[in-house]
Amino acid sequence: METTAVKTLVKSLGISVATVALALMAYGASAQEKAAPAKKPAACKTIKQQSDCEARTDDCSWVGESKDAKGKVKAKAYCRTKPKDTAKKK
């Protein structure tokens, strides 16, 4: 009688452990699906305001407008991407 009770207990524990393991795997998979990738910042050339451009000191720089001798604007001001630092060759 005791061996039947032990076998039943072991079977039910095994089923419970398997159920818990499946539930944990399903939770992990759903957590991975919900994680959104990091949003990339806007490209420097799309920034129109000088203050917004200058706030991104790492990758953007502001180019002021250029005028001719009469004061007429030849080129509007804009934000541009800073050139990447490259290792100098010897």
C-alpha atoms as a PDB file:
ATOM      1  CA  MET A   1       0.000   0.000   0.000  1.00  0.00           C
ATOM      2  CA  GLU A   2       2.781   2.370   0.839  1.00  0.00           C
ATOM      3  CA  THR A   3       4.594   1.847  -2.471  1.00  0.00           C
ATOM      4  CA  THR A   4       1.491   2.826  -4.441  1.00  0.00           C
ATOM      5  CA  ALA A   5       1.137   6.043  -2.428  1.00  0.00           C
ATOM      6  CA  VAL A   6       4.818   6.860  -2.959  1.00  0.00           C
ATOM      7  CA  LYS A   7       4.582   6.197  -6.694  1.00  0.00           C
ATOM      8  CA  THR A   8       1.508   8.418  -6.968  1.00  0.00           C
ATOM      9  CA  LEU A   9       3.248  11.165  -5.002  1.00  0.00           C
ATOM     10  CA  VAL A  10       6.369  10.995  -7.203  1.00  0.00           C
ATOM     11  CA  LYS A  11       4.277  11.096 -10.393  1.00  0.00           C
ATOM     12  CA  SER A  12       2.261  14.094  -9.211  1.00  0.00           C
ATOM     13  CA  LEU A  13       5.423  15.926  -8.157  1.00  0.00           C
ATOM     14  CA  GLY A  14       7.007  15.201 -11.521  1.00  0.00           C
ATOM     15  CA  ILE A  15       3.978  16.568 -13.350  1.00  0.00           C
ATOM     16  CA  SER A  16       3.981  19.665 -11.115  1.00  0.00           C
ATOM     17  CA  VAL A  17       7.666  20.323 -11.765  1.00  0.00           C
ATOM     18  CA  ALA A  18       7.157  19.952 -15.504  1.00  0.00           C
ATOM     19  CA  THR A  19       4.195  22.337 -15.398  1.00  0.00           C
ATOM     20  CA  VAL A  20       6.194  24.938 -13.471  1.00  0.00           C
ATOM     21  CA  ALA A  21       9.112  24.623 -15.911  1.00  0.00           C
ATOM     22  CA  LEU A  22       6.823  25.138 -18.904  1.00  0.00           C
ATOM     23  CA  ALA A  23       5.192  28.140 -17.250  1.00  0.00           C
ATOM     24  CA  LEU A  24       8.590  29.730 -16.574  1.00  0.00           C
ATOM     25  CA  MET A  25       9.711  29.209 -20.178  1.00  0.00           C
ATOM     26  CA  ALA A  26       6.487  30.741 -21.472  1.00  0.00           C
ATOM     27  CA  TYR A  27       6.914  33.741 -19.158  1.00  0.00           C
ATOM     28  CA  GLY A  28      10.510  34.232 -20.337  1.00  0.00           C
ATOM     29  CA  ALA A  29       9.466  34.098 -23.980  1.00  0.00           C
ATOM     30  CA  SER A  30       6.689  36.637 -23.463  1.00  0.00           C
ATOM     31  CA  ALA A  31       9.054  38.958 -21.573  1.00  0.00           C
ATOM     32  CA  GLN A  32      11.484  38.892 -24.493  1.00  0.00           C
ATOM     33  CA  GLU A  33       8.729  39.726 -26.975  1.00  0.00           C
ATOM     34  CA  LYS A  34       7.611  42.760 -24.996  1.00  0.00           C
ATOM     35  CA  ALA A  35      11.099  44.289 -24.744  1.00  0.00           C
ATOM     36  CA  ALA A  36      11.228  47.013 -27.374  1.00  0.00           C
ATOM     37  CA  PRO A  37      14.535  47.839 -29.028  1.00  0.00           C
ATOM     38  CA  ALA A  38      16.159  51.119 -28.048  1.00  0.00           C
ATOM     39  CA  LYS A  39      15.012  54.003 -30.190  1.00  0.00           C
ATOM     40  CA  LYS A  40      17.746  55.634 -32.244  1.00  0.00           C
ATOM     41  CA  PRO A  41      18.115  59.398 -31.856  1.00  0.00           C
ATOM     42  CA  ALA A  42      17.128  61.597 -34.790  1.00  0.00           C
ATOM     43  CA  ALA A  43      19.735  62.158 -37.461  1.00  0.00           C
ATOM     44  CA  CYS A  44      21.590  65.452 -37.028  1.00  0.00           C
ATOM     45  CA  LYS A  45      20.524  66.706 -40.442  1.00  0.00           C
ATOM     46  CA  THR A  46      16.853  66.520 -39.414  1.00  0.00           C
ATOM     47  CA  ILE A  47      17.295  68.867 -36.446  1.00  0.00           C
ATOM     48  CA  LYS A  48      16.100  72.399 -37.249  1.00  0.00           C
ATOM     49  CA  GLN A  49      16.677  74.254 -33.962  1.00  0.00           C
ATOM     50  CA  GLN A  50      20.148  75.457 -32.946  1.00  0.00           C
ATOM     51  CA  SER A  51      19.578  74.668 -29.257  1.00  0.00           C
ATOM     52  CA  ASP A  52      18.535  71.077 -30.048  1.00  0.00           C
ATOM     53  CA  CYS A  53      21.598  70.573 -32.215  1.00  0.00           C
ATOM     54  CA  GLU A  54      24.025  72.054 -29.687  1.00  0.00           C
ATOM     55  CA  ALA A  55      22.519  69.871 -26.946  1.00  0.00           C
ATOM     56  CA  ARG A  56      23.938  66.827 -28.756  1.00  0.00           C
ATOM     57  CA  THR A  57      27.601  67.710 -28.337  1.00  0.00           C
ATOM     58  CA  ASP A  58      28.801  64.164 -28.988  1.00  0.00           C
ATOM     59  CA  ASP A  59      27.626  63.747 -32.556  1.00  0.00           C
ATOM     60  CA  CYS A  60      26.171  67.017 -33.945  1.00  0.00           C
ATOM     61  CA  SER A  61      27.448  70.517 -34.633  1.00  0.00           C
ATOM     62  CA  TRP A  62      25.657  73.707 -35.708  1.00  0.00           C
ATOM     63  CA  VAL A  63      26.778  75.521 -38.857  1.00  0.00           C
ATOM     64  CA  GLY A  64      25.718  79.169 -38.921  1.00  0.00           C
ATOM     65  CA  GLU A  65      24.278  80.853 -41.979  1.00  0.00           C
ATOM     66  CA  SER A  66      26.636  82.576 -44.396  1.00  0.00           C
ATOM     67  CA  LYS A  67      25.935  86.003 -45.898  1.00  0.00           C
ATOM     68  CA  ASP A  68      27.446  87.936 -48.765  1.00  0.00           C
ATOM     69  CA  ALA A  69      28.795  91.506 -48.527  1.00  0.00           C
ATOM     70  CA  LYS A  70      25.318  92.992 -48.920  1.00  0.00           C
ATOM     71  CA  GLY A  71      23.908  90.930 -46.050  1.00  0.00           C
ATOM     72  CA  LYS A  72      21.935  88.551 -48.227  1.00  0.00           C
ATOM     73  CA  VAL A  73      21.824  84.981 -46.887  1.00  0.00           C
ATOM     74  CA  LYS A  74      23.799  82.690 -49.212  1.00  0.00           C
ATOM     75  CA  ALA A  75      23.405  79.512 -47.133  1.00  0.00           C
ATOM     76  CA  LYS A  76      20.957  78.830 -44.312  1.00  0.00           C
ATOM     77  CA  ALA A  77      22.120  77.587 -40.916  1.00  0.00           C
ATOM     78  CA  TYR A  78      21.893  73.824 -40.344  1.00  0.00           C
ATOM     79  CA  CYS A  79      22.870  70.985 -38.074  1.00  0.00           C
ATOM     80  CA  ARG A  80      25.341  68.400 -39.279  1.00  0.00           C
ATOM     81  CA  THR A  81      26.949  65.211 -38.078  1.00  0.00           C
ATOM     82  CA  LYS A  82      30.444  65.588 -36.656  1.00  0.00           C
ATOM     83  CA  PRO A  83      33.095  63.566 -38.495  1.00  0.00           C
ATOM     84  CA  LYS A  84      34.124  60.395 -36.713  1.00  0.00           C
ATOM     85  CA  ASP A  85      37.561  60.323 -35.127  1.00  0.00           C
ATOM     86  CA  THR A  86      39.806  57.932 -37.017  1.00  0.00           C
ATOM     87  CA  ALA A  87      43.145  56.650 -35.852  1.00  0.00           C
ATOM     88  CA  LYS A  88      45.959  58.492 -37.602  1.00  0.00           C
ATOM     89  CA  LYS A  89      48.298  56.313 -39.613  1.00  0.00           C
ATOM     90  CA  LYS A  90      52.047  56.660 -39.062  1.00  0.00           C
END
